[in-house]
Each structure stands twice: as structure tokens, then as C-alpha cells.
Amino acid sequence: MATRSFTADDETAAGIGPIERLTAGAGRILRYQLNVIASTTDDVVQSAGGWLCDRARAGWDVNVLVADGVDPRPLAILGATALDLDEGYEGFLSMVRSAPRAGALAVSADLLAADARVREEILRALKRGLTEIIVWGRQWPAELGGQADPVHHRVSLAARAFKSHALVAADVSTASITPTETLFRVGTGSFRPLRSV
């Protein structure tokens, strides 16, 4: 007996939106999933746009939740689904709490430092240790400790081209495009809870 495959058009026809796709469980086809939480669209495109594009081109589902409003065009150019963090906060909680082993969670260090609710959920995910957590940025939250493994992602030529177009769509200079992007892998060993004195 033949079975019918499930496509994106079937999801649209069934009324399944982006948040529902993030939180869908057992009925979903197992695919690698990269869920990203960023402070701004510009930040994620500049800092990790090539990595996101390469993951999307490799068949990963890439979802980006942005705290400061969202312009979906630059992220769509990279192959990612853009969502507003404030509008989809319940989806964010579900996404972090049920992060799959077949995937990764990435977050801006600036957002971790600025948003307590995001920081708490990421720290919970770190304690569980069930998914890979990647961080980028300079404003490192003290709760993460100082230890993280740098990961130098070599951006493909195609991803550099898409990142260039995404930066133009975000009205950001394309001077930040480099052959590599430096991200940091944070593990449970780097987690250092702060204690009040």
C-alpha cells in the first residue's frame, strides 16, 4: 500500500502556522531543527547568517524568533522562518523546553544578557543537556561562566551570496561578510549558577 507524503502545502492547507510547526510533536517528520533566538534581525544576519543559510540549505528547519520586531525578508532570503518573540512567547517556551536531540538551539549573547526570561529558559535547557546550544556575541552573561568552545563555521560561497542579499534587505552594510563566522558552543560544563551572598 502506498502512503502519501506530507508537504509544506499540506501544512498550509491544514491551517498550521509557524508557531504550531515549532511545537508540533510526534506527528512531525523527524528533521534536524535549528531554533534561533535573537535581539534583532540585523544581529542574527550579521553574526550567524551564513551558518543559518548553510543549515537551511542542508535541509534543516531553521526558525528565528526575534525580540525587537521582525522583518521576515532578510531571514527568508537565508532560508529561515521569522517569528516575533513577543507574539510567539508561548511557542518560544515550548520550543526551548522540548528542544529535540536532532537539532540545535542558538541565541544571541546580547539577548541573554538583556532578557531574564530568555536567559532562564536557556539555563534550564543547559541543565537538561539534551540539545546543542550555540551562542554568538560579545556581551557574555555571567551565568554562562567563561568557558565555551569556539566554533569557526566556514561559510559556503552560496551562503555568503545569500547573506549579502539578506544584509542589503536589512539595510546593513555588507562589509561584515567574512569566510568564517565565530560562534560558541556552550555545554553543561560551562554552566555556573550564581549564588546570592
Protein backbone atom coordinates (compact mmCIF):
# COMPACT_ATOMS: atom_id res chain seq x y z
CA MET A 1 0.00 0.00 0.00
CA ALA A 2 1.37 3.44 -0.92
CA THR A 3 1.43 6.30 1.56
CA ARG A 4 1.10 9.95 0.73
CA SER A 5 3.94 12.25 1.77
CA PHE A 6 3.32 15.27 3.95
CA THR A 7 4.40 18.56 2.34
CA ALA A 8 4.52 22.21 3.32
CA ASP A 9 1.41 22.78 1.17
CA ASP A 10 -0.47 20.26 3.30
CA GLU A 11 0.54 22.23 6.41
CA THR A 12 -0.72 25.47 4.89
CA ALA A 13 -3.97 23.85 3.80
CA ALA A 14 -4.47 22.43 7.29
CA GLY A 15 -4.02 25.88 8.84
CA ILE A 16 -0.78 25.04 10.61
CA GLY A 17 1.19 28.23 11.23
CA PRO A 18 4.84 28.79 12.17
CA ILE A 19 4.28 28.56 15.94
CA GLU A 20 2.32 25.34 15.58
CA ARG A 21 5.19 23.90 13.49
CA LEU A 22 7.63 24.77 16.30
CA THR A 23 5.55 22.98 18.90
CA ALA A 24 4.31 20.03 16.82
CA GLY A 25 5.39 16.79 18.38
CA ALA A 26 5.01 13.16 17.43
CA GLY A 27 3.13 13.80 14.20
CA ARG A 28 6.06 15.66 12.65
CA ILE A 29 8.51 14.16 10.28
CA LEU A 30 11.85 13.92 12.05
CA ARG A 31 14.12 16.58 10.63
CA TYR A 32 17.03 18.45 12.06
CA GLN A 33 15.81 21.68 13.56
CA LEU A 34 17.74 24.85 14.38
CA ASN A 35 15.83 27.25 16.61
CA VAL A 36 17.37 30.69 16.99
CA ILE A 37 16.54 33.48 19.44
CA ALA A 38 17.97 36.91 18.62
CA SER A 39 17.60 40.50 19.74
CA THR A 40 17.29 41.92 16.21
CA THR A 41 17.12 40.66 12.66
CA ASP A 42 20.26 42.65 11.82
CA ASP A 43 22.20 40.98 14.64
CA VAL A 44 21.39 37.42 13.60
CA VAL A 45 22.02 38.08 9.90
CA GLN A 46 25.37 39.80 10.55
CA SER A 47 26.64 37.36 13.18
CA ALA A 48 25.27 34.00 12.09
CA GLY A 49 23.56 34.49 8.72
CA GLY A 50 25.98 32.28 6.78
CA TRP A 51 25.66 29.46 9.31
CA LEU A 52 21.85 29.68 9.22
CA CYS A 53 21.85 29.64 5.43
CA ASP A 54 24.19 26.65 5.27
CA ARG A 55 21.99 24.74 7.73
CA ALA A 56 18.84 25.60 5.76
CA ARG A 57 20.49 24.53 2.50
CA ALA A 58 21.45 21.22 4.18
CA GLY A 59 17.75 20.52 4.85
CA TRP A 60 17.40 21.77 8.42
CA ASP A 61 14.26 23.59 9.55
CA VAL A 62 15.59 26.99 10.68
CA ASN A 63 13.27 29.10 12.87
CA VAL A 64 14.31 32.53 14.12
CA LEU A 65 12.49 34.29 16.96
CA VAL A 66 13.38 38.00 17.11
CA ALA A 67 12.76 40.13 20.22
CA ASP A 68 12.81 43.61 18.66
CA GLY A 69 10.16 43.25 15.96
CA VAL A 70 10.82 41.15 12.92
CA ASP A 71 11.40 41.90 9.26
CA PRO A 72 10.94 38.47 7.65
CA ARG A 73 12.61 39.34 4.31
CA PRO A 74 16.30 39.05 5.34
CA LEU A 75 15.65 35.80 7.19
CA ALA A 76 13.57 34.36 4.35
CA ILE A 77 16.49 35.05 1.98
CA LEU A 78 18.64 32.86 4.26
CA GLY A 79 16.01 30.09 4.22
CA ALA A 80 14.72 30.71 7.75
CA THR A 81 11.24 31.21 9.12
CA ALA A 82 10.99 34.53 11.01
CA LEU A 83 8.81 34.92 14.10
CA ASP A 84 8.29 37.74 16.60
CA LEU A 85 9.40 36.61 20.08
CA ASP A 86 6.79 38.72 21.89
CA GLU A 87 3.93 37.45 19.73
CA GLY A 88 5.07 33.84 19.97
CA TYR A 89 6.41 33.68 23.54
CA GLU A 90 4.42 30.54 24.37
CA GLY A 91 5.86 28.94 21.24
CA PHE A 92 9.33 30.01 22.40
CA LEU A 93 8.83 28.34 25.78
CA SER A 94 7.61 25.15 24.17
CA MET A 95 10.45 25.25 21.62
CA VAL A 96 13.14 25.54 24.30
CA ARG A 97 11.57 23.09 26.72
CA SER A 98 11.04 20.41 24.09
CA ALA A 99 14.22 21.04 22.09
CA PRO A 100 14.94 17.90 20.08
CA ARG A 101 18.17 15.93 20.24
CA ALA A 102 18.23 16.12 16.44
CA GLY A 103 18.87 19.81 16.39
CA ALA A 104 20.38 22.85 17.98
CA LEU A 105 19.37 25.96 19.84
CA ALA A 106 21.19 29.24 19.12
CA VAL A 107 20.86 32.51 20.99
CA SER A 108 22.40 35.97 20.93
CA ALA A 109 24.58 36.68 23.97
CA ASP A 110 23.25 40.26 23.95
CA LEU A 111 19.68 38.98 24.30
CA LEU A 112 20.73 36.54 27.04
CA ALA A 113 22.25 39.41 28.98
CA ALA A 114 19.25 41.72 28.48
CA ASP A 115 16.21 39.42 28.79
CA ALA A 116 15.80 37.47 32.04
CA ARG A 117 13.01 35.22 30.73
CA VAL A 118 15.12 34.07 27.76
CA ARG A 119 18.16 33.59 29.99
CA GLU A 120 16.19 31.44 32.48
CA GLU A 121 14.88 29.14 29.75
CA ILE A 122 18.29 28.75 28.11
CA LEU A 123 19.87 27.95 31.50
CA ARG A 124 17.18 25.29 32.06
CA ALA A 125 17.97 23.81 28.66
CA LEU A 126 21.68 23.81 29.55
CA LYS A 127 20.99 21.95 32.78
CA ARG A 128 18.99 19.29 30.91
CA GLY A 129 21.82 18.94 28.38
CA LEU A 130 19.56 17.44 25.74
CA THR A 131 20.38 19.73 22.83
CA GLU A 132 23.36 21.61 21.44
CA ILE A 133 23.35 25.29 22.44
CA ILE A 134 25.23 27.84 20.35
CA VAL A 135 25.79 31.47 21.38
CA TRP A 136 27.21 34.42 19.47
CA GLY A 137 28.05 37.97 20.52
CA ARG A 138 30.24 39.93 22.89
CA GLN A 139 28.07 40.69 25.94
CA TRP A 140 28.55 37.35 27.71
CA PRO A 141 26.11 36.74 30.61
CA ALA A 142 27.86 35.87 33.89
CA GLU A 143 25.52 32.90 34.43
CA LEU A 144 27.08 31.11 31.46
CA GLY A 145 30.52 31.22 33.01
CA GLY A 146 33.57 31.96 30.92
CA GLN A 147 34.05 28.58 29.28
CA ALA A 148 32.67 27.92 25.86
CA ASP A 149 34.14 26.18 22.87
CA PRO A 150 34.61 28.50 19.89
CA VAL A 151 33.24 27.08 16.67
CA HIS A 152 34.51 28.61 13.44
CA HIS A 153 31.91 27.94 10.76
CA ARG A 154 33.36 28.14 7.26
CA VAL A 155 30.61 29.85 5.28
CA SER A 156 29.98 28.38 1.83
CA LEU A 157 30.17 30.64 -1.23
CA ALA A 158 26.44 30.25 -1.77
CA ALA A 159 25.68 31.22 1.85
CA ARG A 160 27.92 34.28 1.53
CA ALA A 161 25.92 35.36 -1.53
CA PHE A 162 22.60 34.84 0.27
CA LYS A 163 23.94 36.61 3.38
CA SER A 164 24.96 39.56 1.20
CA HIS A 165 21.40 39.83 -0.18
CA ALA A 166 19.93 39.43 3.32
CA LEU A 167 22.12 42.26 4.65
CA VAL A 168 21.03 44.51 1.78
CA ALA A 169 17.37 43.66 2.57
CA ALA A 170 18.04 44.55 6.23
CA ASP A 171 19.68 47.82 5.10
CA VAL A 172 23.02 46.82 6.70
CA SER A 173 26.50 47.16 5.23
CA THR A 174 27.79 44.04 3.50
CA ALA A 175 31.31 44.73 4.80
CA SER A 176 30.72 42.24 7.64
CA ILE A 177 30.72 39.24 5.30
CA THR A 178 33.71 37.03 6.04
CA PRO A 179 34.64 33.47 5.03
CA THR A 180 34.07 32.29 8.63
CA GLU A 181 31.67 33.08 11.44
CA THR A 182 32.71 32.53 15.04
CA LEU A 183 30.08 31.04 17.29
CA PHE A 184 30.43 29.45 20.74
CA ARG A 185 29.21 26.01 21.79
CA VAL A 186 28.03 26.14 25.39
CA GLY A 187 27.82 22.88 27.32
CA THR A 188 26.62 21.84 30.73
CA GLY A 189 30.25 22.07 31.95
CA SER A 190 30.28 25.82 31.32
CA PHE A 191 27.11 26.46 33.31
CA ARG A 192 27.90 28.27 36.55
CA PRO A 193 24.90 29.16 38.71
CA LEU A 194 25.21 32.46 40.56
CA ARG A 195 24.57 32.41 44.27
CA SER A 196 23.50 35.45 46.26
CA VAL A 197 25.90 36.45 49.01
